[in-house]
PDB file of N, CA and C in Angstrom:
ATOM      1  N   MET A   1     104.112  43.893 -66.214  1.00  0.00           N
ATOM      2  CA  MET A   1     105.267  43.188 -65.750  1.00  0.00           C
ATOM      3  C   MET A   1     104.955  42.426 -64.464  1.00  0.00           C
ATOM      4  N   ALA A   2     103.842  41.828 -64.447  1.00  0.00           N
ATOM      5  CA  ALA A   2     103.452  41.093 -63.263  1.00  0.00           C
ATOM      6  C   ALA A   2     104.280  39.832 -63.091  1.00  0.00           C
ATOM      7  N   ASP A   3     104.806  39.261 -64.202  1.00  0.00           N
ATOM      8  CA  ASP A   3     105.571  38.024 -64.091  1.00  0.00           C
ATOM      9  C   ASP A   3     107.061  38.279 -63.874  1.00  0.00           C
ATOM     10  N   GLY A   4     107.482  39.526 -63.779  1.00  0.00           N
ATOM     11  CA  GLY A   4     108.869  39.860 -63.489  1.00  0.00           C
ATOM     12  C   GLY A   4     109.787  39.852 -64.695  1.00  0.00           C
ATOM     13  N   ARG A   5     109.257  39.715 -65.891  1.00  0.00           N
ATOM     14  CA  ARG A   5     110.090  39.695 -67.094  1.00  0.00           C
ATOM     15  C   ARG A   5     110.271  41.109 -67.613  1.00  0.00           C
ATOM     16  N   ARG A   6     111.435  41.374 -68.107  1.00  0.00           N
ATOM     17  CA  ARG A   6     111.698  42.666 -68.726  1.00  0.00           C
ATOM     18  C   ARG A   6     111.784  42.476 -70.240  1.00  0.00           C
ATOM     19  N   TYR A   7     111.249  43.413 -70.946  1.00  0.00           N
ATOM     20  CA  TYR A   7     111.285  43.357 -72.395  1.00  0.00           C
ATOM     21  C   TYR A   7     112.235  44.429 -72.907  1.00  0.00           C
ATOM     22  N   GLY A   8     113.042  44.076 -73.869  1.00  0.00           N
ATOM     23  CA  GLY A   8     114.000  45.016 -74.413  1.00  0.00           C
ATOM     24  C   GLY A   8     115.226  44.259 -74.892  1.00  0.00           C
ATOM     25  N   ILE A   9     116.230  45.005 -75.235  1.00  0.00           N
ATOM     26  CA  ILE A   9     117.440  44.400 -75.774  1.00  0.00           C
ATOM     27  C   ILE A   9     118.527  44.446 -74.711  1.00  0.00           C
ATOM     28  N   THR A  10     119.264  43.352 -74.588  1.00  0.00           N
ATOM     29  CA  THR A  10     120.335  43.310 -73.591  1.00  0.00           C
ATOM     30  C   THR A  10     121.624  43.823 -74.216  1.00  0.00           C
ATOM     31  N   LEU A  11     122.602  44.067 -73.400  1.00  0.00           N
ATOM     32  CA  LEU A  11     123.893  44.553 -73.865  1.00  0.00           C
ATOM     33  C   LEU A  11     124.572  43.516 -74.756  1.00  0.00           C
ATOM     34  N   VAL A  12     124.453  42.248 -74.389  1.00  0.00           N
ATOM     35  CA  VAL A  12     125.056  41.182 -75.187  1.00  0.00           C
ATOM     36  C   VAL A  12     124.424  41.135 -76.573  1.00  0.00           C
ATOM     37  N   GLU A  13     123.118  41.226 -76.640  1.00  0.00           N
ATOM     38  CA  GLU A  13     122.434  41.221 -77.938  1.00  0.00           C
ATOM     39  C   GLU A  13     122.858  42.420 -78.776  1.00  0.00           C
ATOM     40  N   LEU A  14     122.993  43.559 -78.160  1.00  0.00           N
ATOM     41  CA  LEU A  14     123.423  44.757 -78.875  1.00  0.00           C
ATOM     42  C   LEU A  14     124.827  44.581 -79.426  1.00  0.00           C
ATOM     43  N   LEU A  15     125.737  44.028 -78.623  1.00  0.00           N
ATOM     44  CA  LEU A  15     127.106  43.802 -79.085  1.00  0.00           C
ATOM     45  C   LEU A  15     127.158  42.784 -80.215  1.00  0.00           C
ATOM     46  N   VAL A  16     126.312  41.767 -80.151  1.00  0.00           N
ATOM     47  CA  VAL A  16     126.261  40.765 -81.229  1.00  0.00           C
ATOM     48  C   VAL A  16     125.786  41.416 -82.521  1.00  0.00           C
ATOM     49  N   VAL A  17     124.763  42.233 -82.442  1.00  0.00           N
ATOM     50  CA  VAL A  17     124.253  42.917 -83.633  1.00  0.00           C
ATOM     51  C   VAL A  17     125.318  43.838 -84.219  1.00  0.00           C
ATOM     52  N   ILE A  18     126.008  44.591 -83.378  1.00  0.00           N
ATOM     53  CA  ILE A  18     127.074  45.479 -83.850  1.00  0.00           C
ATOM     54  C   ILE A  18     128.185  44.663 -84.510  1.00  0.00           C
ATOM     55  N   GLY A  19     128.528  43.531 -83.921  1.00  0.00           N
ATOM     56  CA  GLY A  19     129.556  42.667 -84.501  1.00  0.00           C
ATOM     57  C   GLY A  19     129.158  42.118 -85.855  1.00  0.00           C
ATOM     58  N   VAL A  20     127.920  41.679 -85.989  1.00  0.00           N
ATOM     59  CA  VAL A  20     127.443  41.148 -87.270  1.00  0.00           C
ATOM     60  C   VAL A  20     127.444  42.232 -88.335  1.00  0.00           C
ATOM     61  N   VAL A  21     126.971  43.413 -87.998  1.00  0.00           N
ATOM     62  CA  VAL A  21     126.954  44.524 -88.951  1.00  0.00           C
ATOM     63  C   VAL A  21     128.377  44.894 -89.366  1.00  0.00           C
ATOM     64  N   THR A  22     129.301  44.889 -88.422  1.00  0.00           N
ATOM     65  CA  THR A  22     130.695  45.216 -88.724  1.00  0.00           C
ATOM     66  C   THR A  22     131.298  44.191 -89.677  1.00  0.00           C
ATOM     67  N   VAL A  23     131.036  42.914 -89.447  1.00  0.00           N
ATOM     68  CA  VAL A  23     131.566  41.870 -90.330  1.00  0.00           C
ATOM     69  C   VAL A  23     130.971  42.009 -91.729  1.00  0.00           C
ATOM     70  N   LEU A  24     129.682  42.260 -91.814  1.00  0.00           N
ATOM     71  CA  LEU A  24     129.053  42.423 -93.129  1.00  0.00           C
ATOM     72  C   LEU A  24     129.615  43.635 -93.872  1.00  0.00           C
ATOM     73  N   MET A  25     129.832  44.726 -93.165  1.00  0.00           N
ATOM     74  CA  MET A  25     130.415  45.910 -93.803  1.00  0.00           C
ATOM     75  C   MET A  25     131.844  45.621 -94.258  1.00  0.00           C
ATOM     76  N   GLY A  26     132.588  44.876 -93.464  1.00  0.00           N
ATOM     77  CA  GLY A  26     133.946  44.511 -93.829  1.00  0.00           C
ATOM     78  C   GLY A  26     133.987  43.648 -95.081  1.00  0.00           C
ATOM     79  N   LEU A  27     132.992  42.803 -95.263  1.00  0.00           N
ATOM     80  CA  LEU A  27     132.925  41.980 -96.470  1.00  0.00           C
ATOM     81  C   LEU A  27     132.462  42.776 -97.676  1.00  0.00           C
ATOM     82  N   LEU A  28     131.620  43.757 -97.463  1.00  0.00           N
ATOM     83  CA  LEU A  28     131.041  44.520 -98.558  1.00  0.00           C
ATOM     84  C   LEU A  28     131.972  45.606 -99.079  1.00  0.00           C
ATOM     85  N   LEU A  29     132.768  46.202 -98.219  1.00  0.00           N
ATOM     86  CA  LEU A  29     133.598  47.344 -98.584  1.00  0.00           C
ATOM     87  C   LEU A  29     134.597  47.060 -99.703  1.00  0.00           C
ATOM     88  N   PRO A  30     135.339  45.954 -99.695  1.00  0.00           N
ATOM     89  CA  PRO A  30     136.268  45.702-100.808  1.00  0.00           C
ATOM     90  C   PRO A  30     135.565  45.588-102.161  1.00  0.00           C
ATOM     91  N   GLY A  31     134.381  45.006-102.180  1.00  0.00           N
ATOM     92  CA  GLY A  31     133.633  44.905-103.433  1.00  0.00           C
ATOM     93  C   GLY A  31     133.234  46.268-103.966  1.00  0.00           C
ATOM     94  N   VAL A  32     132.839  47.157-103.078  1.00  0.00           N
ATOM     95  CA  VAL A  32     132.467  48.519-103.489  1.00  0.00           C
ATOM     96  C   VAL A  32     133.684  49.250-104.031  1.00  0.00           C
ATOM     97  N   GLN A  33     134.833  49.076-103.368  1.00  0.00           N
ATOM     98  CA  GLN A  33     136.050  49.743-103.829  1.00  0.00           C
ATOM     99  C   GLN A  33     136.485  49.222-105.194  1.00  0.00           C
ATOM    100  N   LEU A  34     136.347  47.918-105.427  1.00  0.00           N
ATOM    101  CA  LEU A  34     136.694  47.352-106.736  1.00  0.00           C
ATOM    102  C   LEU A  34     135.769  47.884-107.823  1.00  0.00           C
ATOM    103  N   ALA A  35     134.499  48.022-107.507  1.00  0.00           N
ATOM    104  CA  ALA A  35     133.554  48.556-108.490  1.00  0.00           C
ATOM    105  C   ALA A  35     133.880  50.009-108.821  1.00  0.00           C
ATOM    106  N   ARG A  36     134.262  50.798-107.815  1.00  0.00           N
ATOM    107  CA  ARG A  36     134.625  52.199-108.066  1.00  0.00           C
ATOM    108  C   ARG A  36     135.874  52.287-108.930  1.00  0.00           C
ATOM    109  N   GLU A  37     136.859  51.430-108.657  1.00  0.00           N
ATOM    110  CA  GLU A  37     138.086  51.434-109.452  1.00  0.00           C
ATOM    111  C   GLU A  37     137.805  51.044-110.895  1.00  0.00           C
ATOM    112  N   ALA A  38     136.946  50.068-111.100  1.00  0.00           N
ATOM    113  CA  ALA A  38     136.579  49.665-112.457  1.00  0.00           C
ATOM    114  C   ALA A  38     135.860  50.800-113.181  1.00  0.00           C
ATOM    115  N   ALA A  39     135.018  51.529-112.471  1.00  0.00           N
ATOM    116  CA  ALA A  39     134.316  52.656-113.084  1.00  0.00           C
ATOM    117  C   ALA A  39     135.292  53.764-113.459  1.00  0.00           C
ATOM    118  N   ARG A  40     136.278  54.036-112.590  1.00  0.00           N
ATOM    119  CA  ARG A  40     137.295  55.044-112.919  1.00  0.00           C
ATOM    120  C   ARG A  40     138.106  54.629-114.138  1.00  0.00           C
ATOM    121  N   ARG A  41     138.475  53.357-114.189  1.00  0.00           N
ATOM    122  CA  ARG A  41     139.259  52.857-115.315  1.00  0.00           C
ATOM    123  C   ARG A  41     138.469  52.978-116.617  1.00  0.00           C
ATOM    124  N   ALA A  42     137.182  52.632-116.580  1.00  0.00           N
ATOM    125  CA  ALA A  42     136.345  52.724-117.770  1.00  0.00           C
ATOM    126  C   ALA A  42     136.195  54.171-118.220  1.00  0.00           C
ATOM    127  N   ALA A  43     136.041  55.093-117.278  1.00  0.00           N
ATOM    128  CA  ALA A  43     135.908  56.507-117.619  1.00  0.00           C
ATOM    129  C   ALA A  43     137.202  57.027-118.250  1.00  0.00           C
ATOM    130  N   CYS A  44     138.344  56.618-117.717  1.00  0.00           N
ATOM    131  CA  CYS A  44     139.635  57.049-118.265  1.00  0.00           C
ATOM    132  C   CYS A  44     139.806  56.527-119.690  1.00  0.00           C
ATOM    133  N   MET A  45     139.484  55.267-119.912  1.00  0.00           N
ATOM    134  CA  MET A  45     139.602  54.692-121.261  1.00  0.00           C
ATOM    135  C   MET A  45     138.674  55.416-122.231  1.00  0.00           C
ATOM    136  N   SER A  46     137.498  55.760-121.787  1.00  0.00           N
ATOM    137  CA  SER A  46     136.558  56.481-122.639  1.00  0.00           C
ATOM    138  C   SER A  46     137.103  57.855-123.000  1.00  0.00           C
ATOM    139  N   ASN A  47     137.684  58.547-122.014  1.00  0.00           N
ATOM    140  CA  ASN A  47     138.261  59.864-122.290  1.00  0.00           C
ATOM    141  C   ASN A  47     139.408  59.774-123.286  1.00  0.00           C
ATOM    142  N   LEU A  48     140.274  58.789-123.120  1.00  0.00           N
ATOM    143  CA  LEU A  48     141.388  58.617-124.058  1.00  0.00           C
ATOM    144  C   LEU A  48     140.881  58.309-125.464  1.00  0.00           C
ATOM    145  N   ARG A  49     139.853  57.497-125.555  1.00  0.00           N
ATOM    146  CA  ARG A  49     139.263  57.166-126.865  1.00  0.00           C
ATOM    147  C   ARG A  49     138.690  58.426-127.512  1.00  0.00           C
ATOM    148  N   GLN A  50     138.024  59.264-126.736  1.00  0.00           N
ATOM    149  CA  GLN A  50     137.451  60.494-127.275  1.00  0.00           C
ATOM    150  C   GLN A  50     138.548  61.439-127.762  1.00  0.00           C
ATOM    151  N   ILE A  51     139.664  61.513-127.033  1.00  0.00           N
ATOM    152  CA  ILE A  51     140.777  62.358-127.467  1.00  0.00           C
ATOM    153  C   ILE A  51     141.326  61.843-128.793  1.00  0.00           C
ATOM    154  N   GLY A  52     141.472  60.531-128.917  1.00  0.00           N
ATOM    155  CA  GLY A  52     141.962  59.942-130.163  1.00  0.00           C
ATOM    156  C   GLY A  52     141.041  60.224-131.336  1.00  0.00           C
ATOM    157  N   VAL A  53     139.747  60.085-131.121  1.00  0.00           N
ATOM    158  CA  VAL A  53     138.775  60.357-132.194  1.00  0.00           C
ATOM    159  C   VAL A  53     138.821  61.829-132.587  1.00  0.00           C
ATOM    160  N   ALA A  54     138.927  62.717-131.600  1.00  0.00           N
ATOM    161  CA  ALA A  54     138.989  64.150-131.890  1.00  0.00           C
ATOM    162  C   ALA A  54     140.250  64.492-132.674  1.00  0.00           C
ATOM    163  N   MET A  55     141.375  63.875-132.332  1.00  0.00           N
ATOM    164  CA  MET A  55     142.612  64.148-133.059  1.00  0.00           C
ATOM    165  C   MET A  55     142.521  63.672-134.505  1.00  0.00           C
ATOM    166  N   HIS A  56     141.928  62.521-134.724  1.00  0.00           N
ATOM    167  CA  HIS A  56     141.758  62.025-136.091  1.00  0.00           C
ATOM    168  C   HIS A  56     140.812  62.922-136.886  1.00  0.00           C
ATOM    169  N   ALA A  57     139.745  63.389-136.253  1.00  0.00           N
ATOM    170  CA  ALA A  57     138.818  64.290-136.944  1.00  0.00           C
ATOM    171  C   ALA A  57     139.515  65.589-137.320  1.00  0.00           C
ATOM    172  N   TYR A  58     140.337  66.111-136.430  1.00  0.00           N
ATOM    173  CA  TYR A  58     141.091  67.332-136.705  1.00  0.00           C
ATOM    174  C   TYR A  58     142.050  67.103-137.873  1.00  0.00           C
ATOM    175  N   ALA A  59     142.748  65.982-137.838  1.00  0.00           N
ATOM    176  CA  ALA A  59     143.723  65.686-138.893  1.00  0.00           C
ATOM    177  C   ALA A  59     143.043  65.563-140.250  1.00  0.00           C
ATOM    178  N   GLU A  60     141.862  64.972-140.284  1.00  0.00           N
ATOM    179  CA  GLU A  60     141.139  64.855-141.562  1.00  0.00           C
ATOM    180  C   GLU A  60     140.640  66.211-142.034  1.00  0.00           C
ATOM    181  N   ALA A  61     140.230  67.059-141.097  1.00  0.00           N
ATOM    182  CA  ALA A  61     139.672  68.358-141.480  1.00  0.00           C
ATOM    183  C   ALA A  61     140.747  69.337-141.913  1.00  0.00           C
ATOM    184  N   TYR A  62     141.907  69.325-141.254  1.00  0.00           N
ATOM    185  CA  TYR A  62     142.934  70.346-141.503  1.00  0.00           C
ATOM    186  C   TYR A  62     144.191  69.795-142.195  1.00  0.00           C
ATOM    187  N   GLY A  63     144.252  68.513-142.425  1.00  0.00           N
ATOM    188  CA  GLY A  63     145.374  67.945-143.127  1.00  0.00           C
ATOM    189  C   GLY A  63     146.657  67.814-142.310  1.00  0.00           C
ATOM    190  N   GLN A  64     146.604  68.062-141.029  1.00  0.00           N
ATOM    191  CA  GLN A  64     147.766  67.873-140.157  1.00  0.00           C
ATOM    192  C   GLN A  64     147.270  67.545-138.749  1.00  0.00           C
ATOM    193  N   TRP A  65     148.176  67.022-137.957  1.00  0.00           N
ATOM    194  CA  TRP A  65     147.822  66.683-136.588  1.00  0.00           C
ATOM    195  C   TRP A  65     147.814  67.959-135.746  1.00  0.00           C
ATOM    196  N   PRO A  66     146.983  67.993-134.690  1.00  0.00           N
ATOM    197  CA  PRO A  66     146.979  69.168-133.812  1.00  0.00           C
ATOM    198  C   PRO A  66     148.360  69.369-133.164  1.00  0.00           C
ATOM    199  N   CYS A  67     148.707  70.608-132.932  1.00  0.00           N
ATOM    200  CA  CYS A  67     149.964  70.982-132.276  1.00  0.00           C
ATOM    201  C   CYS A  67     151.185  70.550-133.071  1.00  0.00           C
ATOM    202  N   GLN A  68     150.988  70.303-134.339  1.00  0.00           N
ATOM    203  CA  GLN A  68     152.120  69.980-135.183  1.00  0.00           C
ATOM    204  C   GLN A  68     152.750  71.286-135.609  1.00  0.00           C
ATOM    205  N   GLY A  69     154.038  71.360-135.697  1.00  0.00           N
ATOM    206  CA  GLY A  69     154.700  72.619-136.042  1.00  0.00           C
ATOM    207  C   GLY A  69     154.216  73.196-137.359  1.00  0.00           C
ATOM    208  N   ASP A  70     154.887  74.175-137.851  1.00  0.00           N
ATOM    209  CA  ASP A  70     154.480  74.873-139.079  1.00  0.00           C
ATOM    210  C   ASP A  70     154.076  73.890-140.100  1.00  0.00           C
TER     211      ASP A  70
END
């Protein structure tokens, strides 16, 4: 340090980096939430489809719908 210069990061640079990261996270978060919601919706539809297929298989095997009275 003979020339009097200091090497390192200043407070302003640190705040700018934190601000940029915060903005990027703010832009990314809604997309992640939409993807999670779409995945939940797809899983729910798949479960409902499986229940329907199982009920039809039961009806074909036993000649009546499940939980049908006597």
